[in-house]
Structures are given as C-alpha cells and as structure tokens.
Amino acid sequence: MSKKRSWGLHVGLFSVLCLAVVGLIARNAFAAPDMPSSGEKKNVKLVGYNDLQGRETLQITVNGNWAFAGHLNDFYNVPPKQKLNPITGFMEWNGTSILEISNPARPKLVWHIPNDISANSRSVQVVYNYGSPPRDYLIRNSEGGGVWKYQIFDITDRGTNPINIHLVGEILGSPPNSCGPGCGGLFTNGTHKGWWSKDSGLFYSASNEPGFVSNHLVIHDLADPANPVFVSRGWIPGQKVGDTEPAVGNFHHPVVDEANHRLYSGFRGTGEVVIYDITNPATPTIVSYVGTQPPFRATHTAAPVVYDVVQDIEEEALPRKYLLVCDEGGGGDYTDFPNVIRPVTFMFDISDERNPFNVSIWQVPSEPFRFKGGRFGPHNFHETVNGKLNDFKSKIVWFAYFNAGARVVDISNPYQMKEVGYYIPEPTANSHPITPINAAKPEPTVIQTNDVDVDSRGLAYVVDRTGAGLHVLEYTGNKK
C-alpha cells in the first residue's frame, strides 16, 4: 500500500505553507551560503560550498545535477536537538538534504526530508526514471531511536515542487521464521547501508534480523517501491545464532557489480572483505575472503579495479583484476578495535578470486594528525561516479580521511599507490567536537571529512560529520 505523506507539514497549514514556499523560491531563498575560507591544500581547488544547515553528515550521493546528503542524528547534544530549516521555518530532526548542483560553484539546498525522531539516516541512494510510469526515488536508512528500517520516497518533483516529496514505502524486515524458528522478522540493531540497482530492481543492504548476531547481507526486490519483497540473505559462519564458530564482526556495506555478478563488502572487526557471487540473487554464495593483516581491522569500503596496463607486468598477463580496500579510521591514530592497529588502504590482486594477495598499502603520515583530535584515517573512497559503480579509468581516487580532510591518490601503479593532492577544510561556525558537550573530556573542534562522491565532471563532493557542510573540490594536478 502506498504511504503518501508530505514532509515537514502540518495539515492545517498546508495551503499557507505552499504559498510561503513558492514565495521563498521566488526570492531565491535556496541560494548557497558564501564560500568559506580556503583550507590547507595541494593540487586541489575549492569550487563550491553549502553549509547543509549545519547538519551532521555522513554520506553524500551525486547523480546528474543533484546531490543527496544523508545526515547523522545530533550526537553533540544530550539530549539531541532539532535544527531550524529556513525553507519551511520548522525545527526538524536531521534527515536527508537534497541539493541542485547544475552550478557546482553554488550548490542549492532545495529540500530537507526530516526524520520523525532523532535517528541516523546516514545512507542515501537514488534511482531515476524508474518503474512504470517512470518516477525518481530516494531510499534512506533509519537506525537508532528504536527504529530500524529503510524508507523510500518519491522525489520526482524535487526541482519544481519539492513540497510534493512523499513517502511511498518502507522496508521493515524479513518474513518471520524464514530462516528457522525465531530467525527472520523485523530488523533489529542494524539497518546501516544499501545499494539499489536500477537494472535489476534489487536492494542489497547491510542489516540485522532476529536470529543473527550482527549485520549481514539482506536482499529485497523493489520492482514496486511501495511494496518491497524479501528475496534472500547471506552471512558468514559465526553470524547466525547457533553457529559453532565464534561471533564475528559487521557486514558494513555492499558495493555491487551486477554486470559481473559480484558483491563486495568489508567486515568491521574481522579484517576481511567478503566477495559474494550474486549470479542468482536468491542464493548468494561466498566466493572468497580477502584477509588483511593483522586481523581485527575495521575494513570499510572495497571495490574492484581492472587494469589493462600495469607497470612492469607483461602484456600477456593482462588484464588483471584488483581490489581497493580501505579501513575505517577511529579516534587518534587507531581504529575502534583491539591492538591499536593503524588504519590503512590496501590493494589486492584478485585475478584469481580464490587466491587473493596483497600487493601494496597506502596511508597518510600520522603527523600532525594523530594528536589533532577527532578521528584520523580513511572512511571511504569514491566507489561510485555519477551514481554508477566507479570503473577507475582515470586511476585517480578521492578519499575521505576525517581530520586529514580529502586526499587524492594516484593508483595507476597498483604496486605503488601515491598521494598527489589533498584539501583539508577548516571548521566553520557550525562545527563542533565529535564528543557530546557534557562529556568528561571533550575533544577540540576539528574537521571530520566523512564521505566523498564524484560527479560526471570529475568534481568531488565531500561532507563533514560535525556540521561543517559540503565542499565541492576539483583536482588540479596531472590528470590521467
């Protein structure tokens, strides 16, 4: 059943608000804020900026002339607080922001879809011209605050009448007892991230169901966005309640290559990337584990890279397939996991998927970032370009590196990745420490670049988890 609901509106004020919104648009109320002062940089130029209403942001997704920012809940205040949305005049919980970026120098925030409660909606994906009749849709997660689900919105009218954005469906879990007694049911303790394929209509998510100890792969069919249909699940030994193997870490988020029937995901806490064969989505099977050493790492993002030319490799050995993998950095110079392991980025040769081997690593030098405050290390690299799986043809990769800002890495030689540029934004008036204001030992206010995506023009969009907004960046060094 369709669940059409306009957001940020009170029924009695509908007509008045419609007129107000039209008036605000006419007065260019959505114009981007002024550019901030330029940060520390090398071979990178600041192109544009938007303050995102000071909302803490985790993910940025770019597709065509639009960017979509997934916000964290307000973790700075205890209890959390709502923020003013000048577009509607209402105080709203952090949710999802929609920006028009045809002019990347002046990205315009045209709408904010708030949460009903203080929840984490870090993940956001979109599909355009989908279904019959063709419509544009956005899917986001909701985790925390006792709510675990994915929400699907019709965003077709975002450019002409954003007040008409509305909820059409929700993914709440899987059929109860679908994997044994007490196994399956409403999501619990995890609806983290997902990947919606326009081609197949499938939504691959990192979620947790009853009967499992942590997030694992869950697949739904969104052919009809208003009526999601459960397809299947996949897990590794130790994740299912009753397994004889010890409990393992979290399936973090899927990176999907449907053309080659593969899905890749890092596992927080095990130091592994799992490669799934999704030839038959009803029965995803594990191809292999790509292990990092030492174990207990917080592997985050993993994506395949095919090389037709590799320095010092004979032509008859090409093409070769590699896997770019980054850890998730934690506080200071270590991850959130044991043994004070330094977060790094790996390149694996997976030409033979069942026998992967590491060929190189890369990391930002620890000084001066180790003691700068906040988190230090990679969070993600741009696994997508303009809404599609990154083919890495340029061999130039953008990384979000928390207090070290955005880093640009040349991977043209997989055996010797090298940094060729960086941009470290400066905190803004909206920035705050990553610890709550009543913490016993609050940290200093530093930039926390949390996510990066790239558009069709090659521009990078980076966001900050402490409220510093969206920075649009251009690499000005040697292009491949």
Protein backbone atom coordinates (compact mmCIF):
# COMPACT_ATOMS: atom_id res chain seq x y z
CA MET A 1 0.00 0.00 0.00
CA SER A 2 1.32 3.46 -0.86
CA LYS A 3 2.16 5.58 2.14
CA LYS A 4 1.95 9.05 0.67
CA ARG A 5 2.83 11.71 3.19
CA SER A 6 4.14 15.23 2.72
CA TRP A 7 7.08 16.03 4.97
CA GLY A 8 7.60 18.92 7.35
CA LEU A 9 3.95 19.96 7.04
CA HIS A 10 1.05 20.35 9.42
CA VAL A 11 -2.26 19.74 7.69
CA GLY A 12 -3.89 22.95 8.82
CA LEU A 13 -1.01 24.98 7.46
CA PHE A 14 -0.71 23.21 4.12
CA SER A 15 -2.07 25.97 1.87
CA VAL A 16 -0.28 28.72 3.75
CA LEU A 17 3.00 26.88 3.65
CA CYS A 18 2.69 26.14 -0.07
CA LEU A 19 2.35 29.86 -0.73
CA ALA A 20 5.23 30.62 1.60
CA VAL A 21 7.50 28.10 -0.10
CA VAL A 22 6.66 29.49 -3.54
CA GLY A 23 7.46 32.96 -2.24
CA LEU A 24 10.76 31.84 -0.81
CA ILE A 25 11.73 30.22 -4.09
CA ALA A 26 10.87 33.41 -5.93
CA ARG A 27 13.18 35.34 -3.60
CA ASN A 28 15.99 32.82 -4.18
CA ALA A 29 15.81 31.62 -0.59
CA PHE A 30 17.72 28.48 -1.51
CA ALA A 31 20.86 30.32 -2.65
CA ALA A 32 24.03 28.71 -1.40
CA PRO A 33 25.91 30.27 1.54
CA ASP A 34 29.05 32.27 0.90
CA MET A 35 32.24 30.32 0.26
CA PRO A 36 34.27 29.58 3.40
CA SER A 37 37.93 30.42 3.71
CA SER A 38 40.05 28.00 1.73
CA GLY A 39 41.69 25.23 3.72
CA GLU A 40 45.15 23.71 3.57
CA LYS A 41 45.60 22.23 0.10
CA LYS A 42 47.82 20.74 -2.59
CA ASN A 43 46.72 20.38 -6.24
CA VAL A 44 43.07 20.82 -5.18
CA LYS A 45 40.79 23.85 -5.63
CA LEU A 46 37.64 24.72 -3.68
CA VAL A 47 34.88 25.11 -6.29
CA GLY A 48 31.69 25.44 -4.24
CA TYR A 49 30.16 25.13 -0.80
CA ASN A 50 26.90 24.67 1.10
CA ASP A 51 26.56 24.67 4.89
CA LEU A 52 23.79 22.00 4.87
CA GLN A 53 22.07 23.97 7.64
CA GLY A 54 24.85 22.86 9.99
CA ARG A 55 23.56 19.27 9.98
CA GLU A 56 25.98 16.47 10.83
CA THR A 57 26.53 14.49 7.63
CA LEU A 58 27.84 11.05 6.86
CA GLN A 59 27.11 10.14 3.23
CA ILE A 60 26.95 12.15 0.03
CA THR A 61 25.50 10.68 -3.18
CA VAL A 62 25.79 12.51 -6.51
CA ASN A 63 23.71 11.70 -9.59
CA GLY A 64 23.27 14.07 -12.52
CA ASN A 65 22.53 17.62 -11.40
CA TRP A 66 21.62 16.53 -7.90
CA ALA A 67 23.41 15.68 -4.66
CA PHE A 68 21.84 13.93 -1.68
CA ALA A 69 23.27 14.21 1.83
CA GLY A 70 22.50 11.59 4.47
CA HIS A 71 22.66 13.03 7.97
CA LEU A 72 23.62 11.58 11.30
CA ASN A 73 21.47 12.18 14.33
CA ASP A 74 22.51 15.12 16.51
CA PHE A 75 25.13 13.37 18.64
CA TYR A 76 26.63 16.57 20.05
CA ASN A 77 23.76 17.49 22.33
CA VAL A 78 22.42 15.24 25.10
CA PRO A 79 19.51 15.01 24.69
CA PRO A 80 19.67 15.64 20.93
CA LYS A 81 18.10 18.76 19.48
CA GLN A 82 16.30 19.67 16.28
CA LYS A 83 17.69 22.27 13.88
CA LEU A 84 15.88 25.09 12.10
CA ASN A 85 15.07 24.51 8.45
CA PRO A 86 14.82 28.04 6.94
CA ILE A 87 12.99 26.63 3.90
CA THR A 88 9.94 25.60 5.93
CA GLY A 89 10.50 27.63 9.09
CA PHE A 90 10.20 24.47 11.21
CA MET A 91 12.58 22.88 13.67
CA GLU A 92 13.43 19.47 12.22
CA TRP A 93 15.32 16.34 13.16
CA ASN A 94 18.29 15.58 10.92
CA GLY A 95 17.22 13.57 7.88
CA THR A 96 18.20 13.85 4.20
CA SER A 97 19.10 17.02 2.26
CA ILE A 98 18.58 17.45 -1.49
CA LEU A 99 20.80 19.87 -3.42
CA GLU A 100 20.67 21.11 -7.01
CA ILE A 101 24.27 21.21 -8.38
CA SER A 102 23.99 22.21 -12.05
CA ASN A 103 26.21 25.11 -10.99
CA PRO A 104 28.73 23.37 -8.71
CA ALA A 105 30.04 26.74 -7.54
CA ARG A 106 26.64 27.46 -5.96
CA PRO A 107 25.01 24.21 -4.84
CA LYS A 108 21.46 24.99 -3.68
CA LEU A 109 19.71 23.13 -0.90
CA VAL A 110 16.15 22.81 -2.20
CA TRP A 111 14.64 20.48 0.41
CA HIS A 112 15.26 18.61 3.62
CA ILE A 113 13.36 15.40 4.42
CA PRO A 114 13.36 15.26 8.24
CA ASN A 115 13.14 12.21 10.44
CA ASP A 116 10.18 11.84 12.78
CA ILE A 117 12.56 11.26 15.69
CA SER A 118 16.27 11.61 16.40
CA ALA A 119 17.55 8.83 14.15
CA ASN A 120 20.56 8.15 11.97
CA SER A 121 19.82 8.40 8.24
CA ARG A 122 23.40 8.23 7.10
CA SER A 123 22.76 6.18 3.95
CA VAL A 124 21.09 7.55 0.82
CA GLN A 125 20.72 6.25 -2.74
CA VAL A 126 18.60 7.32 -5.70
CA VAL A 127 17.23 5.88 -8.93
CA TYR A 128 15.79 7.97 -11.76
CA ASN A 129 13.15 7.18 -14.40
CA TYR A 130 12.30 4.00 -12.55
CA GLY A 131 9.21 1.84 -12.97
CA SER A 132 6.02 2.48 -14.90
CA PRO A 133 5.14 5.26 -15.08
CA PRO A 134 8.76 6.33 -14.64
CA ARG A 135 9.45 8.18 -11.38
CA ASP A 136 12.52 9.22 -9.38
CA TYR A 137 13.05 7.63 -5.98
CA LEU A 138 15.29 8.03 -2.95
CA ILE A 139 15.94 5.34 -0.36
CA ARG A 140 17.50 6.07 3.01
CA ASN A 141 18.16 4.13 6.18
CA SER A 142 16.85 4.87 9.65
CA GLU A 143 18.74 3.47 12.60
CA GLY A 144 18.70 4.31 16.27
CA GLY A 145 15.97 5.73 18.42
CA GLY A 146 14.30 2.34 18.48
CA VAL A 147 13.60 2.43 14.74
CA TRP A 148 15.34 0.16 12.24
CA LYS A 149 14.13 0.43 8.64
CA TYR A 150 14.64 1.79 5.14
CA GLN A 151 12.32 4.46 3.75
CA ILE A 152 11.53 5.03 0.07
CA PHE A 153 10.47 8.49 -1.15
CA ASP A 154 9.14 9.74 -4.47
CA ILE A 155 11.38 12.73 -5.29
CA THR A 156 10.26 13.30 -8.88
CA ASP A 157 9.05 16.85 -8.19
CA ARG A 158 12.13 17.99 -6.24
CA GLY A 159 13.06 20.57 -8.88
CA THR A 160 9.62 22.04 -9.49
CA ASN A 161 7.53 21.39 -6.40
CA PRO A 162 9.64 19.89 -3.61
CA ILE A 163 6.75 20.11 -1.17
CA ASN A 164 5.33 17.11 -3.05
CA ILE A 165 8.17 14.77 -1.99
CA HIS A 166 6.47 11.93 -0.17
CA LEU A 167 7.00 8.54 1.42
CA VAL A 168 5.85 5.62 -0.73
CA GLY A 169 7.15 2.53 1.04
CA GLU A 170 9.27 1.07 3.82
CA ILE A 171 11.44 -2.00 4.29
CA LEU A 172 10.92 -3.16 7.86
CA GLY A 173 12.49 -6.61 7.85
CA SER A 174 12.04 -10.12 6.51
CA PRO A 175 9.37 -12.80 6.88
CA PRO A 176 9.34 -14.21 10.44
CA ASN A 177 10.80 -17.72 10.81
CA SER A 178 12.09 -17.59 7.22
CA CYS A 179 15.48 -18.99 8.24
CA GLY A 180 14.35 -21.26 11.05
CA PRO A 181 12.32 -20.83 14.24
CA GLY A 182 12.81 -17.32 15.58
CA CYS A 183 15.02 -16.41 12.63
CA GLY A 184 13.80 -13.52 10.49
CA GLY A 185 11.37 -10.73 11.27
CA LEU A 186 11.55 -7.01 11.95
CA PHE A 187 15.02 -5.51 11.64
CA THR A 188 16.82 -5.07 14.94
CA ASN A 189 20.02 -3.23 15.87
CA GLY A 190 21.11 -2.55 12.34
CA THR A 191 19.93 -1.03 9.05
CA HIS A 192 23.19 0.53 8.00
CA LYS A 193 23.70 0.99 4.28
CA GLY A 194 22.43 -0.30 0.96
CA TRP A 195 22.82 -0.42 -2.83
CA TRP A 196 19.76 -0.06 -5.09
CA SER A 197 20.32 -1.38 -8.60
CA LYS A 198 18.11 0.29 -11.19
CA ASP A 199 18.82 -2.53 -13.67
CA SER A 200 17.61 -5.45 -11.54
CA GLY A 201 15.42 -3.54 -9.10
CA LEU A 202 17.19 -5.25 -6.21
CA PHE A 203 18.20 -3.52 -3.00
CA TYR A 204 21.22 -5.04 -1.27
CA SER A 205 21.54 -3.93 2.35
CA ALA A 206 23.69 -4.33 5.44
CA SER A 207 21.02 -5.14 8.01
CA ASN A 208 20.36 -7.28 11.06
CA GLU A 209 17.41 -9.61 11.62
CA PRO A 210 16.35 -11.76 14.57
CA GLY A 211 18.45 -14.92 14.58
CA PHE A 212 21.70 -13.15 13.75
CA VAL A 213 24.35 -11.53 15.93
CA SER A 214 25.34 -8.70 13.56
CA ASN A 215 24.67 -7.00 10.23
CA HIS A 216 24.73 -9.27 7.20
CA LEU A 217 23.56 -9.19 3.60
CA VAL A 218 19.79 -8.85 3.10
CA ILE A 219 18.25 -8.53 -0.39
CA HIS A 220 14.84 -7.09 -1.31
CA ASP A 221 13.10 -6.64 -4.67
CA LEU A 222 11.94 -3.05 -5.21
CA ALA A 223 10.27 -3.53 -8.58
CA ASP A 224 7.31 -1.86 -6.89
CA PRO A 225 8.84 0.65 -4.44
CA ALA A 226 5.58 0.77 -2.49
CA ASN A 227 5.67 -2.98 -1.86
CA PRO A 228 9.20 -4.29 -1.18
CA VAL A 229 9.54 -8.08 -1.42
CA PHE A 230 12.14 -10.07 0.54
CA VAL A 231 14.43 -12.12 -1.72
CA SER A 232 17.24 -13.66 0.31
CA ARG A 233 20.06 -13.19 2.79
CA GLY A 234 23.71 -14.11 3.09
CA TRP A 235 26.02 -14.41 6.08
CA ILE A 236 29.39 -15.77 7.08
CA PRO A 237 29.94 -18.51 9.67
CA GLY A 238 29.61 -17.09 13.17
CA GLN A 239 26.91 -14.56 12.33
CA LYS A 240 23.89 -16.82 12.76
CA VAL A 241 22.69 -17.62 16.26
CA GLY A 242 23.62 -21.22 16.98
CA ASP A 243 26.70 -21.31 14.75
CA THR A 244 29.57 -23.24 16.28
CA GLU A 245 32.08 -20.68 15.03
CA PRO A 246 32.72 -17.64 17.27
CA ALA A 247 30.72 -14.47 16.66
CA VAL A 248 32.22 -12.18 14.02
CA GLY A 249 32.05 -8.52 13.03
CA ASN A 250 29.61 -6.49 10.97
CA PHE A 251 28.99 -6.67 7.24
CA HIS A 252 29.46 -2.95 6.60
CA HIS A 253 28.03 -2.04 3.21
CA PRO A 254 27.71 -3.69 -0.19
CA VAL A 255 29.45 -2.49 -3.33
CA VAL A 256 27.65 -4.22 -6.18
CA ASP A 257 28.95 -5.16 -9.64
CA GLU A 258 25.89 -6.82 -11.14
CA ALA A 259 27.41 -6.92 -14.64
CA ASN A 260 30.00 -9.37 -13.30
CA HIS A 261 27.72 -10.97 -10.68
CA ARG A 262 29.81 -9.86 -7.74
CA LEU A 263 29.20 -8.09 -4.44
CA TYR A 264 31.99 -6.83 -2.15
CA SER A 265 31.78 -5.78 1.50
CA GLY A 266 34.19 -5.06 4.29
CA PHE A 267 33.57 -6.53 7.76
CA ARG A 268 34.16 -4.27 10.73
CA GLY A 269 36.16 -6.12 13.32
CA THR A 270 37.35 -9.15 11.32
CA GLY A 271 39.81 -7.52 8.92
CA GLU A 272 38.17 -9.20 5.95
CA VAL A 273 36.41 -8.36 2.72
CA VAL A 274 33.89 -10.94 1.57
CA ILE A 275 33.27 -11.50 -2.14
CA TYR A 276 29.79 -12.82 -2.93
CA ASP A 277 28.63 -14.42 -6.17
CA ILE A 278 25.18 -12.93 -6.89
CA THR A 279 24.55 -14.68 -10.21
CA ASN A 280 21.40 -15.96 -8.54
CA PRO A 281 20.34 -13.32 -6.00
CA ALA A 282 18.04 -15.86 -4.35
CA THR A 283 21.10 -17.81 -3.24
CA PRO A 284 24.13 -15.50 -2.81
CA THR A 285 27.24 -17.59 -2.23
CA ILE A 286 30.64 -16.71 -0.80
CA VAL A 287 33.42 -16.81 -3.39
CA SER A 288 36.29 -15.96 -1.05
CA TYR A 289 37.54 -13.97 1.89
CA VAL A 290 40.14 -11.27 1.32
CA GLY A 291 42.01 -11.05 4.61
CA THR A 292 44.01 -8.08 5.86
CA GLN A 293 46.79 -8.50 8.37
CA PRO A 294 46.84 -8.20 11.28
CA PRO A 295 43.20 -9.15 11.88
CA PHE A 296 40.62 -7.18 13.90
CA ARG A 297 40.68 -4.32 11.40
CA ALA A 298 37.66 -2.18 10.59
CA THR A 299 37.55 -2.79 6.83
CA HIS A 300 35.05 -0.36 5.31
CA THR A 301 34.96 0.15 1.52
CA ALA A 302 36.02 -2.37 -1.13
CA ALA A 303 35.68 -2.01 -4.91
CA PRO A 304 37.15 -3.84 -7.92
CA VAL A 305 39.68 -2.20 -10.24
CA VAL A 306 40.58 -3.71 -13.63
CA TYR A 307 43.97 -2.85 -15.16
CA ASP A 308 44.66 -3.21 -18.87
CA VAL A 309 48.12 -1.69 -18.39
CA VAL A 310 50.32 -2.23 -15.35
CA GLN A 311 53.89 -1.07 -15.00
CA ASP A 312 56.42 -3.95 -15.13
CA ILE A 313 53.77 -6.59 -15.97
CA GLU A 314 53.92 -8.40 -19.30
CA GLU A 315 51.02 -7.80 -21.66
CA GLU A 316 50.11 -11.48 -21.81
CA ALA A 317 49.36 -11.34 -18.07
CA LEU A 318 46.78 -8.58 -18.58
CA PRO A 319 44.11 -7.58 -17.91
CA ARG A 320 44.34 -8.17 -14.17
CA LYS A 321 41.73 -7.53 -11.52
CA TYR A 322 42.49 -5.87 -8.22
CA LEU A 323 40.51 -4.89 -5.14
CA LEU A 324 40.95 -1.50 -3.50
CA VAL A 325 40.14 -1.71 0.22
CA CYS A 326 40.22 0.91 2.97
CA ASP A 327 39.88 0.57 6.71
CA GLU A 328 37.71 2.91 8.74
CA GLY A 329 39.76 5.22 10.92
CA GLY A 330 38.92 5.64 14.56
CA GLY A 331 39.97 8.02 17.30
CA GLY A 332 43.50 9.36 17.16
CA ASP A 333 45.93 7.06 15.37
CA TYR A 334 44.00 3.83 15.79
CA THR A 335 40.73 2.12 14.96
CA ASP A 336 37.93 1.29 17.34
CA PHE A 337 39.24 -2.24 17.63
CA PRO A 338 41.93 -4.02 19.68
CA ASN A 339 45.71 -3.89 19.34
CA VAL A 340 45.94 -0.20 18.32
CA ILE A 341 46.02 -1.05 14.61
CA ARG A 342 46.76 1.81 12.25
CA PRO A 343 44.03 2.25 9.60
CA VAL A 344 45.37 1.92 6.06
CA THR A 345 44.37 1.37 2.43
CA PHE A 346 45.19 -1.90 0.66
CA MET A 347 45.46 -3.05 -2.93
CA PHE A 348 44.86 -6.76 -3.51
CA ASP A 349 45.36 -8.78 -6.68
CA ILE A 350 42.14 -10.80 -7.10
CA SER A 351 42.72 -12.01 -10.65
CA ASP A 352 42.31 -15.42 -9.08
CA GLU A 353 39.49 -14.62 -6.66
CA ARG A 354 40.09 -17.70 -4.56
CA ASN A 355 43.74 -16.80 -4.01
CA PRO A 356 43.87 -13.03 -3.38
CA PHE A 357 47.12 -11.46 -2.27
CA ASN A 358 48.13 -8.00 -1.10
CA VAL A 359 50.43 -6.03 -3.41
CA SER A 360 50.65 -2.64 -1.68
CA ILE A 361 49.36 -0.36 1.07
CA TRP A 362 49.00 3.40 1.37
CA GLN A 363 48.36 5.73 4.29
CA VAL A 364 48.66 9.38 5.27
CA PRO A 365 51.62 10.09 7.58
CA SER A 366 50.45 10.23 11.18
CA GLU A 367 51.88 13.67 11.95
CA PRO A 368 50.36 16.15 12.63
CA PHE A 369 47.00 14.37 12.57
CA ARG A 370 47.49 11.78 15.28
CA PHE A 371 47.11 14.26 18.11
CA LYS A 372 44.95 16.79 16.29
CA GLY A 373 41.72 15.48 17.82
CA GLY A 374 38.72 13.70 16.38
CA ARG A 375 39.11 10.67 14.17
CA PHE A 376 42.07 10.12 11.84
CA GLY A 377 42.26 7.68 8.96
CA PRO A 378 40.21 6.77 5.89
CA HIS A 379 36.47 6.41 5.93
CA ASN A 380 35.70 5.78 2.29
CA PHE A 381 36.84 6.39 -1.25
CA HIS A 382 34.54 7.20 -4.14
CA GLU A 383 33.27 3.77 -5.12
CA THR A 384 30.72 5.44 -7.41
CA VAL A 385 30.86 8.14 -10.08
CA ASN A 386 27.64 9.93 -11.04
CA GLY A 387 25.53 7.21 -9.44
CA LYS A 388 27.28 4.23 -11.04
CA LEU A 389 29.98 1.83 -9.91
CA ASN A 390 33.35 3.53 -10.36
CA ASP A 391 35.30 1.99 -13.26
CA PHE A 392 38.52 3.72 -12.07
CA LYS A 393 39.53 4.51 -15.65
CA SER A 394 41.21 7.72 -14.50
CA LYS A 395 43.17 5.86 -11.78
CA ILE A 396 42.70 8.97 -9.60
CA VAL A 397 40.85 8.20 -6.37
CA TRP A 398 39.39 10.55 -3.76
CA PHE A 399 39.45 9.52 -0.09
CA ALA A 400 37.61 10.97 2.90
CA TYR A 401 40.18 10.96 5.71
CA PHE A 402 38.50 12.51 8.76
CA ASN A 403 40.80 15.13 10.35
CA ALA A 404 43.18 14.87 7.38
CA GLY A 405 40.44 16.10 5.04
CA ALA A 406 40.08 14.86 1.45
CA ARG A 407 43.06 13.08 -0.10
CA VAL A 408 43.72 12.38 -3.80
CA VAL A 409 45.61 9.20 -4.66
CA ASP A 410 47.12 8.01 -7.95
CA ILE A 411 46.59 4.24 -8.29
CA SER A 412 47.90 3.92 -11.88
CA ASN A 413 50.54 1.56 -10.49
CA PRO A 414 48.75 -0.80 -8.08
CA TYR A 415 52.08 -1.74 -6.56
CA GLN A 416 52.90 1.85 -5.63
CA MET A 417 49.87 3.97 -4.78
CA LYS A 418 50.88 7.58 -4.17
CA GLU A 419 49.20 10.73 -2.91
CA VAL A 420 49.05 13.56 -5.44
CA GLY A 421 46.83 16.10 -3.69
CA TYR A 422 44.72 16.98 -0.67
CA TYR A 423 42.30 19.52 0.74
CA ILE A 424 41.70 19.98 4.45
CA PRO A 425 38.65 22.17 5.06
CA GLU A 426 38.58 24.46 8.05
CA PRO A 427 35.92 24.14 10.74
CA THR A 428 33.03 26.58 10.40
CA ALA A 429 30.75 28.33 12.87
CA ASN A 430 28.55 25.22 12.75
CA SER A 431 31.36 22.80 13.57
CA HIS A 432 31.56 21.14 16.96
CA PRO A 433 33.62 18.41 18.66
CA ILE A 434 32.65 14.82 17.94
CA THR A 435 32.03 14.21 21.63
CA PRO A 436 28.87 15.41 23.44
CA ILE A 437 29.09 18.78 25.15
CA ASN A 438 28.71 17.15 28.59
CA ALA A 439 31.49 14.59 28.02
CA ALA A 440 34.12 14.33 30.74
CA LYS A 441 36.87 15.08 28.22
CA PRO A 442 35.51 16.89 25.15
CA GLU A 443 37.73 16.89 22.09
CA PRO A 444 38.79 20.01 20.18
CA THR A 445 36.78 21.16 17.17
CA VAL A 446 38.47 19.77 14.05
CA ILE A 447 37.34 18.91 10.57
CA GLN A 448 35.95 15.38 10.20
CA THR A 449 35.66 14.72 6.46
CA ASN A 450 33.42 11.69 6.43
CA ASP A 451 32.40 10.84 2.87
CA VAL A 452 33.20 11.64 -0.75
CA ASP A 453 31.48 11.10 -4.09
CA VAL A 454 32.31 12.30 -7.63
CA ASP A 455 30.10 13.70 -10.39
CA SER A 456 30.27 13.31 -14.18
CA ARG A 457 32.56 16.36 -14.39
CA GLY A 458 35.15 14.77 -12.12
CA LEU A 459 34.36 17.13 -9.24
CA ALA A 460 34.47 15.70 -5.73
CA TYR A 461 31.80 16.37 -3.10
CA VAL A 462 32.95 15.92 0.49
CA VAL A 463 30.91 16.22 3.69
CA ASP A 464 31.73 16.61 7.37
CA ARG A 465 30.24 14.71 10.31
CA THR A 466 30.50 17.65 12.73
CA GLY A 467 28.40 20.18 10.78
CA ALA A 468 30.96 21.93 8.55
CA GLY A 469 28.86 21.32 5.44
CA LEU A 470 29.52 20.29 1.83
CA HIS A 471 32.71 21.24 -0.03
CA VAL A 472 32.93 20.85 -3.83
CA LEU A 473 36.53 20.21 -4.88
CA GLU A 474 38.50 19.94 -8.13
CA TYR A 475 41.80 18.12 -8.57
CA THR A 476 44.13 20.47 -10.46
CA GLY A 477 47.17 18.20 -10.72
CA ASN A 478 48.17 15.90 -13.56
CA LYS A 479 45.10 14.14 -14.97
CA LYS A 480 45.49 10.56 -16.17
